[in-house]
C-alpha atoms as a PDB file:
ATOM      1  CA  UNK A   1      83.885  56.130  96.169  1.00  0.00           C
ATOM      2  CA  UNK A   2      86.015  55.056  99.067  1.00  0.00           C
ATOM      3  CA  UNK A   3      85.554  55.372 102.363  1.00  0.00           C
ATOM      4  CA  UNK A   4      88.168  57.129 104.375  1.00  0.00           C
ATOM      5  CA  UNK A   5      89.489  55.115 107.450  1.00  0.00           C
ATOM      6  CA  UNK A   6      92.173  56.311 110.236  1.00  0.00           C
ATOM      7  CA  UNK A   7      93.751  54.016 111.825  1.00  0.00           C
ATOM      8  CA  UNK A   8      93.520  53.390 115.415  1.00  0.00           C
ATOM      9  CA  UNK A   9      96.764  52.413 116.403  1.00  0.00           C
ATOM     10  CA  UNK A  10      99.899  53.668 115.717  1.00  0.00           C
ATOM     11  CA  UNK A  11     103.442  51.967 115.191  1.00  0.00           C
ATOM     12  CA  UNK A  12     104.487  50.337 118.151  1.00  0.00           C
ATOM     13  CA  UNK A  13     101.248  50.688 120.058  1.00  0.00           C
ATOM     14  CA  UNK A  14     101.682  47.970 122.918  1.00  0.00           C
ATOM     15  CA  UNK A  15      98.216  45.641 122.167  1.00  0.00           C
ATOM     16  CA  UNK A  16      95.632  42.755 123.344  1.00  0.00           C
ATOM     17  CA  UNK A  17      93.973  40.368 121.210  1.00  0.00           C
ATOM     18  CA  UNK A  18      91.111  39.695 121.791  1.00  0.00           C
ATOM     19  CA  UNK A  19      92.527  35.560 122.026  1.00  0.00           C
ATOM     20  CA  UNK A  20      94.409  37.006 125.152  1.00  0.00           C
ATOM     21  CA  UNK A  21      98.203  37.667 123.937  1.00  0.00           C
ATOM     22  CA  UNK A  22      99.903  41.064 123.849  1.00  0.00           C
ATOM     23  CA  UNK A  23     101.839  42.276 121.716  1.00  0.00           C
ATOM     24  CA  UNK A  24     102.836  44.992 119.170  1.00  0.00           C
ATOM     25  CA  UNK A  25     101.859  46.313 116.411  1.00  0.00           C
ATOM     26  CA  UNK A  26     104.899  46.516 113.413  1.00  0.00           C
ATOM     27  CA  UNK A  27     102.766  47.187 110.697  1.00  0.00           C
ATOM     28  CA  UNK A  28      99.149  48.253 109.486  1.00  0.00           C
ATOM     29  CA  UNK A  29      97.426  47.852 105.970  1.00  0.00           C
ATOM     30  CA  UNK A  30      94.071  49.457 104.837  1.00  0.00           C
ATOM     31  CA  UNK A  31      91.872  48.514 101.466  1.00  0.00           C
ATOM     32  CA  UNK A  32      89.511  50.572  99.811  1.00  0.00           C
ATOM     33  CA  UNK A  33      87.015  48.057 100.367  1.00  0.00           C
ATOM     34  CA  UNK A  34      88.040  46.356 103.793  1.00  0.00           C
ATOM     35  CA  UNK A  35      88.598  47.382 107.374  1.00  0.00           C
ATOM     36  CA  UNK A  36      91.903  48.235 108.695  1.00  0.00           C
ATOM     37  CA  UNK A  37      94.232  45.638 109.548  1.00  0.00           C
ATOM     38  CA  UNK A  38      97.583  45.430 111.928  1.00  0.00           C
ATOM     39  CA  UNK A  39     100.482  43.159 112.013  1.00  0.00           C
ATOM     40  CA  UNK A  40     101.016  42.409 115.214  1.00  0.00           C
ATOM     41  CA  UNK A  41     104.164  40.905 117.081  1.00  0.00           C
ATOM     42  CA  UNK A  42     103.588  38.655 120.264  1.00  0.00           C
ATOM     43  CA  UNK A  43     104.294  35.298 121.790  1.00  0.00           C
ATOM     44  CA  UNK A  44     100.959  32.103 121.117  1.00  0.00           C
ATOM     45  CA  UNK A  45     100.192  30.597 123.796  1.00  0.00           C
ATOM     46  CA  UNK A  46     103.652  27.633 123.579  1.00  0.00           C
ATOM     47  CA  UNK A  47     105.329  30.819 124.057  1.00  0.00           C
ATOM     48  CA  UNK A  48     106.276  31.095 120.238  1.00  0.00           C
ATOM     49  CA  UNK A  49     107.461  34.447 119.293  1.00  0.00           C
ATOM     50  CA  UNK A  50     104.734  34.936 115.542  1.00  0.00           C
ATOM     51  CA  UNK A  51     103.696  37.895 113.541  1.00  0.00           C
ATOM     52  CA  UNK A  52     100.267  37.584 112.026  1.00  0.00           C
ATOM     53  CA  UNK A  53      98.285  40.296 110.551  1.00  0.00           C
ATOM     54  CA  UNK A  54      94.631  40.608 112.578  1.00  0.00           C
ATOM     55  CA  UNK A  55      91.376  43.206 111.830  1.00  0.00           C
ATOM     56  CA  UNK A  56      91.127  45.918 114.219  1.00  0.00           C
ATOM     57  CA  UNK A  57      88.133  44.754 116.049  1.00  0.00           C
ATOM     58  CA  UNK A  58      90.259  41.754 116.900  1.00  0.00           C
ATOM     59  CA  UNK A  59      92.477  44.220 119.546  1.00  0.00           C
ATOM     60  CA  UNK A  60      92.283  45.883 122.234  1.00  0.00           C
ATOM     61  CA  UNK A  61      94.535  48.896 123.189  1.00  0.00           C
ATOM     62  CA  UNK A  62      96.637  47.211 125.739  1.00  0.00           C
ATOM     63  CA  UNK A  63      93.461  46.248 127.529  1.00  0.00           C
ATOM     64  CA  UNK A  64      92.626  42.878 129.483  1.00  0.00           C
ATOM     65  CA  UNK A  65      91.129  41.229 126.303  1.00  0.00           C
ATOM     66  CA  UNK A  66      87.536  40.072 127.135  1.00  0.00           C
ATOM     67  CA  UNK A  67      86.773  37.241 128.655  1.00  0.00           C
ATOM     68  CA  UNK A  68      84.957  34.418 126.300  1.00  0.00           C
ATOM     69  CA  UNK A  69      82.012  32.767 127.264  1.00  0.00           C
END
């Protein structure tokens, strides 16, 4: 049986990745047996504009990224 999941982020939302880069949600995907994923457009550490799929757990809603120790 499929689990009903709702998207936390809307298209166009500004988000911060756990890696520290900030970007914009430009796509969403949900699956029967996996957590929701989001396509985020962001500038990486070298300044290049990139687009990658991220699991919901790797995204913060426009908040500062947590410090990894």
